[in-house]
Amino acid sequence: MRTLSIAVGLIGVLPAVCNSLAGDGRREISQADFTPGYTISEPGSYVFTENVDYTNEGGFAALTVNANDVTIDLNGFTYRRTSANQYTYGIYQPDTYTNLTVRNGTLRRWGTTSYYAIGAFGYGNLIERMTLTECYNGIKAGRTCVVRACRLYGIESDGISIDANSVATGNVLTDGGRYAVYVAGEECVVKDNSALGSWSAGLNMAAEATNSLVVANVVSGSGIAVQTTNWFGPEWRAVGEVWTNNPWLNITRY
């Protein structure tokens, strides 16, 4: 039996199939569920059971999360849009929801302009062990979120964006367009990330990104290591292009 959910947005009605369970009790997601999109409206664990191609030419989001406490496991599969860089989020969570986890898979050909492959705008989210490629923008995370152990390459504009009290760690970002890691809010940790290749800025700290710890990151190629005028630590202020291995920031360029 199919359960229908109403998603408020540009795509109108999105069907969500919630009654197909894997052997471990997780709810299964397959190609057949995207007609044209899929909405999660109940807490729980969801798992992809096959590669999924999103073929709809319009729409705001292909997979929408309208619930708290949701885990989406791509289970090693690829979730892609067949038409490159259309105005669509691959996975979208409004900022009114909390505690979303997305892990273990590949997203391809999602987002454009202000749209991201993963737009997890809520509070307390975790995004880990994901590969994103051929997307316009990669990952946008809200406040108090963690983005870790992800691989992004061939991103046209921004790679990973985090907001206040969040962590980006252990990510590898290769050959992108604008910012590899963008920090939009205060008291964040950016640690052990690698921004390699053609980024305009390997790391960009916004005006609001005060009291943040940035340590043990690597920037290579022509990218600017730090692009900010804000305080990062007790005794240090960065202005413009900074290439030194500061003991607080500990950013290495090669």
Protein backbone atom coordinates (compact mmCIF):
# COMPACT_ATOMS: atom_id res chain seq x y z
CA MET A 1 0.00 0.00 0.00
CA ARG A 2 1.27 3.50 -0.82
CA THR A 3 1.03 6.35 1.66
CA LEU A 4 0.68 9.78 0.06
CA SER A 5 2.19 12.91 1.62
CA ILE A 6 1.61 16.51 0.61
CA ALA A 7 4.83 18.52 0.16
CA VAL A 8 4.40 22.28 0.15
CA GLY A 9 6.61 23.68 -2.58
CA LEU A 10 6.99 23.89 -6.29
CA ILE A 11 6.44 20.22 -6.92
CA GLY A 12 3.02 19.93 -5.30
CA VAL A 13 2.22 16.33 -4.42
CA LEU A 14 5.07 13.92 -3.81
CA PRO A 15 4.36 10.26 -3.13
CA ALA A 16 6.17 8.52 -0.30
CA VAL A 17 6.20 4.76 0.00
CA CYS A 18 6.64 3.84 3.64
CA ASN A 19 5.48 0.26 4.07
CA SER A 20 8.19 -1.73 2.24
CA LEU A 21 10.59 -2.95 4.93
CA ALA A 22 14.04 -4.45 4.65
CA GLY A 23 14.93 -7.47 6.76
CA ASP A 24 16.35 -5.24 9.49
CA GLY A 25 13.19 -3.14 9.70
CA ARG A 26 14.43 -0.22 7.62
CA ARG A 27 12.07 1.17 5.01
CA GLU A 28 13.22 0.53 1.46
CA ILE A 29 13.62 3.14 -1.28
CA SER A 30 13.73 2.05 -4.93
CA GLN A 31 13.33 3.48 -8.41
CA ALA A 32 9.59 2.82 -8.36
CA ASP A 33 9.11 5.21 -5.43
CA PHE A 34 10.10 8.28 -7.46
CA THR A 35 6.85 9.10 -9.25
CA PRO A 36 8.08 11.74 -9.82
CA GLY A 37 9.52 12.50 -6.36
CA TYR A 38 9.63 10.96 -2.90
CA THR A 39 8.72 12.48 0.47
CA ILE A 40 9.67 11.09 3.88
CA SER A 41 7.08 12.21 6.41
CA GLU A 42 7.74 9.79 9.30
CA PRO A 43 10.80 9.30 11.53
CA GLY A 44 12.86 6.17 10.96
CA SER A 45 15.59 4.52 8.91
CA TYR A 46 15.38 4.37 5.12
CA VAL A 47 17.66 2.39 2.81
CA PHE A 48 18.19 2.45 -0.95
CA THR A 49 17.92 -0.99 -2.53
CA GLU A 50 19.16 -0.07 -6.02
CA ASN A 51 20.56 2.76 -8.14
CA VAL A 52 17.95 5.48 -8.70
CA ASP A 53 17.66 7.79 -11.73
CA TYR A 54 15.53 10.90 -11.34
CA THR A 55 14.06 11.66 -14.76
CA ASN A 56 11.55 14.42 -14.00
CA GLU A 57 12.40 17.65 -15.83
CA GLY A 58 10.92 19.98 -13.21
CA GLY A 59 10.52 20.24 -9.49
CA PHE A 60 12.04 21.77 -6.37
CA ALA A 61 13.35 18.61 -4.69
CA ALA A 62 13.50 14.97 -5.72
CA LEU A 63 13.65 13.57 -2.17
CA THR A 64 12.16 15.70 0.60
CA VAL A 65 12.50 15.01 4.33
CA ASN A 66 9.55 16.41 6.27
CA ALA A 67 10.22 14.65 9.59
CA ASN A 68 12.64 14.64 12.52
CA ASP A 69 14.98 11.74 13.34
CA VAL A 70 15.45 10.32 9.84
CA THR A 71 18.38 8.22 8.59
CA ILE A 72 18.89 7.71 4.85
CA ASP A 73 21.42 5.02 3.92
CA LEU A 74 22.20 4.95 0.21
CA ASN A 75 23.74 1.53 0.81
CA GLY A 76 26.51 2.05 -1.75
CA PHE A 77 24.13 2.96 -4.58
CA THR A 78 24.12 5.97 -6.92
CA TYR A 79 21.27 8.46 -6.89
CA ARG A 80 21.45 10.72 -9.93
CA ARG A 81 19.56 13.16 -12.05
CA THR A 82 19.55 12.21 -15.71
CA SER A 83 19.42 15.87 -16.82
CA ALA A 84 22.49 17.65 -15.50
CA ASN A 85 22.23 20.59 -13.12
CA GLN A 86 18.51 21.30 -13.17
CA TYR A 87 16.75 23.40 -10.51
CA THR A 88 16.36 20.52 -8.11
CA TYR A 89 17.73 19.43 -4.73
CA GLY A 90 18.72 15.78 -4.66
CA ILE A 91 17.91 15.54 -0.94
CA TYR A 92 16.14 18.45 0.76
CA GLN A 93 15.33 19.00 4.44
CA PRO A 94 13.58 22.25 5.49
CA ASP A 95 15.08 24.12 8.43
CA THR A 96 12.12 23.26 10.66
CA TYR A 97 13.29 19.63 11.06
CA THR A 98 16.17 18.09 13.01
CA ASN A 99 18.47 15.08 13.25
CA LEU A 100 18.82 13.91 9.64
CA THR A 101 21.58 11.46 8.74
CA VAL A 102 22.62 10.82 5.12
CA ARG A 103 25.38 8.30 4.43
CA ASN A 104 27.05 5.71 2.20
CA GLY A 105 26.37 6.56 -1.42
CA THR A 106 26.90 8.70 -4.51
CA LEU A 107 24.93 11.71 -5.75
CA ARG A 108 25.47 12.85 -9.33
CA ARG A 109 24.24 15.81 -11.41
CA TRP A 110 22.21 17.70 -8.80
CA GLY A 111 21.57 21.35 -8.09
CA THR A 112 22.22 24.70 -9.72
CA THR A 113 22.66 28.31 -8.58
CA SER A 114 21.21 28.26 -5.02
CA TYR A 115 20.28 24.55 -5.12
CA TYR A 116 22.48 21.82 -3.64
CA ALA A 117 22.83 18.10 -4.14
CA ILE A 118 22.14 17.81 -0.40
CA GLY A 119 20.35 20.73 1.22
CA ALA A 120 20.08 19.71 4.88
CA PHE A 121 18.99 23.01 6.41
CA GLY A 122 17.80 21.67 9.75
CA TYR A 123 19.53 21.34 13.13
CA GLY A 124 21.77 18.52 14.34
CA ASN A 125 22.32 16.70 11.04
CA LEU A 126 25.06 14.26 10.06
CA ILE A 127 26.30 13.72 6.50
CA GLU A 128 29.04 11.14 6.14
CA ARG A 129 30.81 8.87 3.65
CA MET A 130 29.11 10.43 0.63
CA THR A 131 30.54 10.95 -2.86
CA LEU A 132 29.23 13.89 -4.90
CA THR A 133 30.20 14.52 -8.51
CA GLU A 134 29.06 16.55 -11.52
CA CYS A 135 26.87 18.67 -9.24
CA TYR A 136 26.52 22.45 -9.33
CA ASN A 137 26.66 22.80 -5.52
CA GLY A 138 27.52 20.00 -3.12
CA ILE A 139 26.42 19.95 0.54
CA LYS A 140 24.64 22.67 2.49
CA ALA A 141 24.30 21.91 6.21
CA GLY A 142 22.48 23.90 8.88
CA ARG A 143 23.44 24.66 12.48
CA THR A 144 25.12 22.14 14.80
CA CYS A 145 25.78 19.70 11.96
CA VAL A 146 28.66 17.38 11.06
CA VAL A 147 29.94 16.74 7.53
CA ARG A 148 32.68 14.13 7.55
CA ALA A 149 34.58 11.70 5.34
CA CYS A 150 32.89 12.88 2.14
CA ARG A 151 34.46 13.09 -1.31
CA LEU A 152 33.46 15.81 -3.76
CA TYR A 153 34.90 16.29 -7.23
CA GLY A 154 33.87 18.07 -10.38
CA ILE A 155 31.64 20.50 -8.44
CA GLU A 156 30.82 23.57 -10.53
CA SER A 157 30.46 26.09 -7.69
CA ASP A 158 30.50 25.44 -3.90
CA GLY A 159 31.58 22.21 -2.24
CA ILE A 160 30.61 22.08 1.47
CA SER A 161 28.84 24.87 3.37
CA ILE A 162 28.30 24.70 7.13
CA ASP A 163 26.55 27.06 9.56
CA ALA A 164 27.14 27.88 13.23
CA ASN A 165 28.43 25.33 15.75
CA SER A 166 29.14 22.78 13.02
CA VAL A 167 32.06 20.55 12.02
CA ALA A 168 33.58 19.73 8.63
CA THR A 169 36.28 17.09 8.97
CA GLY A 170 38.11 14.52 6.88
CA ASN A 171 36.61 15.62 3.56
CA VAL A 172 38.42 15.60 0.21
CA LEU A 173 37.32 18.16 -2.38
CA THR A 174 38.91 18.12 -5.83
CA ASP A 175 38.58 20.35 -8.90
CA GLY A 176 35.67 22.61 -8.07
CA GLY A 177 34.59 26.09 -8.99
CA ARG A 178 34.24 28.60 -6.15
CA TYR A 179 34.63 27.58 -2.46
CA ALA A 180 35.69 24.12 -1.34
CA VAL A 181 34.58 24.72 2.27
CA TYR A 182 32.46 27.72 3.24
CA VAL A 183 31.83 28.54 6.91
CA ALA A 184 28.73 30.71 7.36
CA GLY A 185 28.43 30.89 11.15
CA GLU A 186 30.31 31.17 14.42
CA GLU A 187 32.12 28.55 16.54
CA CYS A 188 32.76 25.94 13.87
CA VAL A 189 35.54 23.38 13.50
CA VAL A 190 37.17 22.81 10.10
CA LYS A 191 39.74 20.06 10.47
CA ASP A 192 41.72 17.61 8.30
CA ASN A 193 40.09 18.60 5.02
CA SER A 194 41.88 18.66 1.64
CA ALA A 195 40.94 21.18 -1.05
CA LEU A 196 42.83 20.20 -4.18
CA GLY A 197 42.85 21.54 -7.72
CA SER A 198 41.02 24.48 -9.22
CA TRP A 199 38.96 26.00 -6.39
CA SER A 200 38.85 29.81 -6.27
CA ALA A 201 39.08 29.55 -2.49
CA GLY A 202 39.97 26.36 -0.67
CA LEU A 203 38.45 27.81 2.50
CA ASN A 204 36.19 30.83 2.89
CA MET A 205 35.14 32.11 6.30
CA ALA A 206 32.13 34.45 6.29
CA ALA A 207 31.91 37.62 8.37
CA GLU A 208 29.87 35.68 10.94
CA ALA A 209 32.41 32.85 11.29
CA THR A 210 33.96 34.07 14.52
CA ASN A 211 35.61 31.93 17.21
CA SER A 212 36.11 29.02 14.84
CA LEU A 213 38.94 26.51 14.95
CA VAL A 214 40.61 25.72 11.63
CA VAL A 215 43.37 23.15 11.89
CA ALA A 216 45.37 20.66 9.78
CA ASN A 217 43.77 21.43 6.43
CA VAL A 218 45.56 21.23 3.07
CA VAL A 219 45.00 23.55 0.12
CA SER A 220 46.76 23.04 -3.21
CA GLY A 221 46.69 24.52 -6.69
CA SER A 222 45.63 28.12 -7.23
CA GLY A 223 43.05 28.26 -4.42
CA ILE A 224 43.21 30.88 -1.67
CA ALA A 225 43.68 29.22 1.70
CA VAL A 226 41.78 31.78 3.77
CA GLN A 227 39.54 34.58 2.56
CA THR A 228 38.27 36.56 5.54
CA THR A 229 38.79 39.42 7.99
CA ASN A 230 37.62 37.60 11.10
CA TRP A 231 39.10 36.21 14.27
CA PHE A 232 39.77 32.48 14.30
CA GLY A 233 41.77 32.16 17.47
CA PRO A 234 42.86 34.05 20.57
CA GLU A 235 45.74 36.01 19.03
CA TRP A 236 45.38 35.85 15.29
CA ARG A 237 43.51 37.70 12.57
CA ALA A 238 43.56 36.80 8.87
CA VAL A 239 43.16 39.38 6.13
CA GLY A 240 43.14 38.48 2.44
CA GLU A 241 45.40 35.77 1.12
CA VAL A 242 47.14 33.79 3.84
CA TRP A 243 49.65 31.07 2.98
CA THR A 244 51.64 30.78 6.21
CA ASN A 245 51.43 27.69 8.38
CA ASN A 246 50.09 29.56 11.38
CA PRO A 247 50.27 27.49 14.59
CA TRP A 248 46.59 28.17 15.26
CA LEU A 249 45.20 27.69 11.77
CA ASN A 250 47.82 25.20 10.58
CA ILE A 251 46.86 25.40 6.93
CA THR A 252 49.36 24.00 4.48
CA ARG A 253 49.58 25.08 0.86
CA TYR A 254 51.63 23.15 -1.66
